[in-house]
Each structure stands twice: as C-alpha cells, then as structure tokens.
Amino acid sequence: MYTTFLFISGAEIAFILFIVLMVFGADKLPEMARGLGKGMRVLKDATNDIKHEITKSAEKNGIDTSIVTDVKKEIDKVKDNIDDFTGSVRRKL
C-alpha cells in the first residue's frame, strides 16, 4: 500500500525533495529544515495561545467547556474500536 500525504505519494515527495536538493544545494538544506521547524513551532504556539484565550473567555462567561473533552473521549473510543477491528482484519489477510 502506498502512503499518501495531502494526495501526494511517496515517489512524488521523493521527487520534490530531489528538486529542492538540486535547486538549493545540500549545504542549505539543514538551514531550511531548521527554519521550517521554527516556523511550525511558532504556528503551534500561536494556535495553543488562541485555544487558551478562547477557553479562558468561555470560562469567564460561564460557558461549559467540558463537552469538548467528552467529545474527544468518545472520538478516541471510536478510533480504538476501529483500530481493533482493522487490526484483526489485517491479520486475517
């Protein structure tokens, strides 16, 4: 089975990485990866700050936010059940 990420197969990702390597060179690749990692970290921190502010505002206004954790728990249960089912199906194949 092929792994896809955003509708791109592994071979296409390898081709894109090859082109990036050819255009920027091997010496610039670690610097670019570091910059990309820092950018992703900043984005994650900003997202967490926004979530925190929304939660704080909801609690300040008396809005019950426990439903979110309840929904997450139910989703995790469903994921576990699906994983158990697909695991047994995969073993039989």
N, C-alpha and C. Protein backbone atom coordinates (compact mmCIF):
# COMPACT_ATOMS: atom_id res chain seq x y z
N MET A 1 0.83 -1.17 0.00
CA MET A 1 0.00 0.00 0.00
C MET A 1 0.88 1.24 0.00
N TYR A 2 0.48 2.26 -0.74
CA TYR A 2 1.26 3.49 -0.82
C TYR A 2 0.80 4.47 0.25
N THR A 3 1.76 5.15 0.85
CA THR A 3 1.44 6.17 1.83
C THR A 3 1.24 7.49 1.10
N THR A 4 0.13 8.17 1.42
CA THR A 4 -0.13 9.46 0.79
C THR A 4 -0.25 10.52 1.85
N PHE A 5 0.21 11.70 1.51
CA PHE A 5 0.13 12.86 2.38
C PHE A 5 -0.35 14.01 1.51
N LEU A 6 -1.54 14.50 1.81
CA LEU A 6 -2.15 15.56 1.01
C LEU A 6 -2.24 15.16 -0.46
N PHE A 7 -2.63 13.93 -0.70
CA PHE A 7 -2.83 13.39 -2.04
C PHE A 7 -1.53 13.32 -2.84
N ILE A 8 -0.39 13.24 -2.15
CA ILE A 8 0.91 13.11 -2.81
C ILE A 8 1.51 11.77 -2.38
N SER A 9 1.94 10.98 -3.33
CA SER A 9 2.51 9.68 -2.99
C SER A 9 3.96 9.82 -2.55
N GLY A 10 4.51 8.74 -2.04
CA GLY A 10 5.90 8.74 -1.58
C GLY A 10 6.88 9.05 -2.69
N ALA A 11 6.63 8.54 -3.88
CA ALA A 11 7.52 8.80 -5.01
C ALA A 11 7.51 10.28 -5.39
N GLU A 12 6.35 10.90 -5.34
CA GLU A 12 6.25 12.32 -5.67
C GLU A 12 6.96 13.18 -4.62
N ILE A 13 6.85 12.79 -3.35
CA ILE A 13 7.56 13.51 -2.29
C ILE A 13 9.07 13.39 -2.50
N ALA A 14 9.54 12.19 -2.83
CA ALA A 14 10.97 11.99 -3.08
C ALA A 14 11.43 12.84 -4.26
N PHE A 15 10.63 12.93 -5.31
CA PHE A 15 10.97 13.74 -6.47
C PHE A 15 11.05 15.22 -6.09
N ILE A 16 10.10 15.69 -5.29
CA ILE A 16 10.10 17.09 -4.86
C ILE A 16 11.35 17.37 -4.01
N LEU A 17 11.68 16.44 -3.11
CA LEU A 17 12.89 16.62 -2.29
C LEU A 17 14.15 16.64 -3.16
N PHE A 18 14.18 15.82 -4.19
CA PHE A 18 15.31 15.80 -5.11
C PHE A 18 15.45 17.15 -5.82
N ILE A 19 14.34 17.71 -6.28
CA ILE A 19 14.36 19.01 -6.95
C ILE A 19 14.83 20.10 -5.99
N VAL A 20 14.31 20.06 -4.76
CA VAL A 20 14.73 21.05 -3.75
C VAL A 20 16.23 20.93 -3.50
N LEU A 21 16.72 19.71 -3.40
CA LEU A 21 18.15 19.49 -3.19
C LEU A 21 18.96 20.04 -4.35
N MET A 22 18.50 19.84 -5.56
CA MET A 22 19.22 20.33 -6.74
C MET A 22 19.20 21.86 -6.82
N VAL A 23 18.09 22.47 -6.45
CA VAL A 23 17.96 23.93 -6.56
C VAL A 23 18.74 24.64 -5.46
N PHE A 24 18.60 24.19 -4.22
CA PHE A 24 19.20 24.91 -3.10
C PHE A 24 20.54 24.34 -2.67
N GLY A 25 20.84 23.13 -2.99
CA GLY A 25 22.11 22.53 -2.61
C GLY A 25 22.05 21.88 -1.24
N ALA A 26 22.96 20.94 -1.03
CA ALA A 26 22.97 20.17 0.21
C ALA A 26 23.36 21.02 1.41
N ASP A 27 24.15 22.07 1.20
CA ASP A 27 24.59 22.88 2.33
C ASP A 27 23.47 23.77 2.88
N LYS A 28 22.48 24.12 2.09
CA LYS A 28 21.37 24.97 2.53
C LYS A 28 20.22 24.16 3.12
N LEU A 29 20.18 22.86 2.87
CA LEU A 29 19.05 22.04 3.30
C LEU A 29 18.87 22.01 4.82
N PRO A 30 19.90 21.81 5.63
CA PRO A 30 19.69 21.82 7.09
C PRO A 30 19.18 23.17 7.60
N GLU A 31 19.69 24.25 7.01
CA GLU A 31 19.25 25.59 7.42
C GLU A 31 17.76 25.78 7.08
N MET A 32 17.35 25.32 5.91
CA MET A 32 15.95 25.43 5.52
C MET A 32 15.07 24.57 6.42
N ALA A 33 15.51 23.37 6.76
CA ALA A 33 14.74 22.49 7.63
C ALA A 33 14.60 23.10 9.02
N ARG A 34 15.67 23.70 9.52
CA ARG A 34 15.63 24.36 10.82
C ARG A 34 14.64 25.51 10.80
N GLY A 35 14.66 26.31 9.75
CA GLY A 35 13.73 27.43 9.62
C GLY A 35 12.29 26.95 9.52
N LEU A 36 12.09 25.86 8.79
CA LEU A 36 10.74 25.29 8.68
C LEU A 36 10.27 24.78 10.03
N GLY A 37 11.16 24.15 10.77
CA GLY A 37 10.81 23.65 12.10
C GLY A 37 10.46 24.77 13.06
N LYS A 38 11.23 25.86 13.01
CA LYS A 38 10.94 27.01 13.86
C LYS A 38 9.61 27.63 13.49
N GLY A 39 9.34 27.72 12.20
CA GLY A 39 8.07 28.27 11.74
C GLY A 39 6.89 27.43 12.20
N MET A 40 7.05 26.11 12.13
CA MET A 40 5.97 25.23 12.57
C MET A 40 5.77 25.36 14.08
N ARG A 41 6.86 25.54 14.82
CA ARG A 41 6.76 25.70 16.28
C ARG A 41 6.04 26.99 16.63
N VAL A 42 6.35 28.08 15.93
CA VAL A 42 5.67 29.35 16.17
C VAL A 42 4.18 29.22 15.87
N LEU A 43 3.85 28.54 14.78
CA LEU A 43 2.45 28.34 14.43
C LEU A 43 1.73 27.52 15.49
N LYS A 44 2.38 26.47 16.00
CA LYS A 44 1.77 25.65 17.04
C LYS A 44 1.57 26.45 18.32
N ASP A 45 2.56 27.26 18.69
CA ASP A 45 2.44 28.09 19.88
C ASP A 45 1.31 29.10 19.74
N ALA A 46 1.19 29.71 18.56
CA ALA A 46 0.12 30.67 18.33
C ALA A 46 -1.24 29.99 18.42
N THR A 47 -1.35 28.79 17.87
CA THR A 47 -2.60 28.04 17.93
C THR A 47 -2.96 27.72 19.37
N ASN A 48 -1.97 27.30 20.15
CA ASN A 48 -2.22 27.00 21.56
C ASN A 48 -2.63 28.25 22.33
N ASP A 49 -2.03 29.39 22.03
CA ASP A 49 -2.41 30.64 22.68
C ASP A 49 -3.86 31.01 22.36
N ILE A 50 -4.25 30.83 21.11
CA ILE A 50 -5.62 31.14 20.71
C ILE A 50 -6.60 30.21 21.43
N LYS A 51 -6.26 28.91 21.49
CA LYS A 51 -7.12 27.96 22.20
C LYS A 51 -7.26 28.34 23.67
N HIS A 52 -6.13 28.73 24.28
CA HIS A 52 -6.14 29.12 25.69
C HIS A 52 -7.03 30.35 25.91
N GLU A 53 -6.91 31.33 25.03
CA GLU A 53 -7.72 32.55 25.16
C GLU A 53 -9.20 32.25 24.99
N ILE A 54 -9.54 31.38 24.05
CA ILE A 54 -10.95 31.02 23.84
C ILE A 54 -11.49 30.30 25.06
N THR A 55 -10.72 29.37 25.60
CA THR A 55 -11.15 28.63 26.78
C THR A 55 -11.30 29.56 27.97
N LYS A 56 -10.34 30.45 28.16
CA LYS A 56 -10.40 31.40 29.27
C LYS A 56 -11.61 32.32 29.15
N SER A 57 -11.89 32.78 27.93
CA SER A 57 -13.03 33.65 27.70
C SER A 57 -14.35 32.89 27.93
N ALA A 58 -14.39 31.64 27.50
CA ALA A 58 -15.61 30.84 27.69
C ALA A 58 -15.86 30.60 29.17
N GLU A 59 -14.81 30.30 29.92
CA GLU A 59 -14.97 30.08 31.36
C GLU A 59 -15.36 31.37 32.07
N LYS A 60 -14.83 32.49 31.62
CA LYS A 60 -15.17 33.79 32.21
C LYS A 60 -16.64 34.11 32.00
N ASN A 61 -17.17 33.72 30.85
CA ASN A 61 -18.58 34.00 30.54
C ASN A 61 -19.52 32.89 30.98
N GLY A 62 -18.99 31.89 31.68
CA GLY A 62 -19.84 30.84 32.22
C GLY A 62 -20.26 29.77 31.22
N ILE A 63 -19.51 29.64 30.14
CA ILE A 63 -19.83 28.62 29.13
C ILE A 63 -19.14 27.33 29.52
N ASP A 64 -19.90 26.23 29.48
CA ASP A 64 -19.36 24.92 29.86
C ASP A 64 -18.47 24.40 28.73
N THR A 65 -17.19 24.20 29.02
CA THR A 65 -16.26 23.70 28.01
C THR A 65 -15.95 22.22 28.18
N SER A 66 -16.59 21.57 29.15
CA SER A 66 -16.31 20.15 29.38
C SER A 66 -16.83 19.27 28.24
N ILE A 67 -17.74 19.79 27.43
CA ILE A 67 -18.27 19.00 26.32
C ILE A 67 -17.17 18.66 25.33
N VAL A 68 -16.20 19.53 25.19
CA VAL A 68 -15.10 19.29 24.26
C VAL A 68 -14.31 18.06 24.68
N THR A 69 -14.00 17.94 25.97
CA THR A 69 -13.26 16.77 26.44
C THR A 69 -14.10 15.51 26.32
N ASP A 70 -15.42 15.63 26.55
CA ASP A 70 -16.30 14.47 26.40
C ASP A 70 -16.31 13.99 24.95
N VAL A 71 -16.38 14.92 24.01
CA VAL A 71 -16.39 14.56 22.59
C VAL A 71 -15.06 13.93 22.20
N LYS A 72 -13.95 14.47 22.70
CA LYS A 72 -12.63 13.90 22.40
C LYS A 72 -12.53 12.48 22.93
N LYS A 73 -13.05 12.23 24.12
CA LYS A 73 -13.01 10.88 24.69
C LYS A 73 -13.81 9.91 23.83
N GLU A 74 -14.98 10.33 23.37
CA GLU A 74 -15.80 9.46 22.53
C GLU A 74 -15.12 9.19 21.19
N ILE A 75 -14.50 10.21 20.62
CA ILE A 75 -13.79 10.03 19.35
C ILE A 75 -12.63 9.06 19.53
N ASP A 76 -11.91 9.18 20.64
CA ASP A 76 -10.80 8.25 20.92
C ASP A 76 -11.29 6.83 21.07
N LYS A 77 -12.46 6.64 21.70
CA LYS A 77 -13.03 5.30 21.84
C LYS A 77 -13.35 4.70 20.48
N VAL A 78 -13.94 5.52 19.61
CA VAL A 78 -14.29 5.05 18.27
C VAL A 78 -13.02 4.70 17.49
N LYS A 79 -11.99 5.53 17.60
CA LYS A 79 -10.72 5.25 16.93
C LYS A 79 -10.12 3.93 17.41
N ASP A 80 -10.17 3.71 18.72
CA ASP A 80 -9.64 2.46 19.27
C ASP A 80 -10.43 1.26 18.75
N ASN A 81 -11.74 1.39 18.69
CA ASN A 81 -12.58 0.29 18.18
C ASN A 81 -12.26 0.01 16.71
N ILE A 82 -12.08 1.07 15.93
CA ILE A 82 -11.76 0.89 14.51
C ILE A 82 -10.39 0.25 14.37
N ASP A 83 -9.42 0.69 15.17
CA ASP A 83 -8.08 0.11 15.12
C ASP A 83 -8.12 -1.38 15.49
N ASP A 84 -8.90 -1.73 16.51
CA ASP A 84 -9.03 -3.13 16.90
C ASP A 84 -9.63 -3.95 15.77
N PHE A 85 -10.67 -3.41 15.13
CA PHE A 85 -11.33 -4.13 14.04
C PHE A 85 -10.41 -4.27 12.83
N THR A 86 -9.77 -3.18 12.43
CA THR A 86 -8.91 -3.26 11.25
C THR A 86 -7.69 -4.11 11.52
N GLY A 87 -7.22 -4.12 12.77
CA GLY A 87 -6.08 -4.96 13.12
C GLY A 87 -6.40 -6.43 12.94
N SER A 88 -7.60 -6.83 13.36
CA SER A 88 -7.99 -8.24 13.21
C SER A 88 -8.22 -8.58 11.74
N VAL A 89 -8.72 -7.62 10.97
CA VAL A 89 -8.93 -7.87 9.54
C VAL A 89 -7.59 -7.99 8.82
N ARG A 90 -6.63 -7.15 9.17
CA ARG A 90 -5.32 -7.20 8.55
C ARG A 90 -4.60 -8.53 8.84
N ARG A 91 -4.75 -9.01 10.06
CA ARG A 91 -4.11 -10.28 10.41
C ARG A 91 -4.68 -11.44 9.60
N LYS A 92 -5.96 -11.37 9.26
CA LYS A 92 -6.60 -12.45 8.51
C LYS A 92 -6.23 -12.42 7.04
N LEU A 93 -5.85 -11.25 6.54
CA LEU A 93 -5.48 -11.14 5.14
C LEU A 93 -4.11 -11.70 4.98
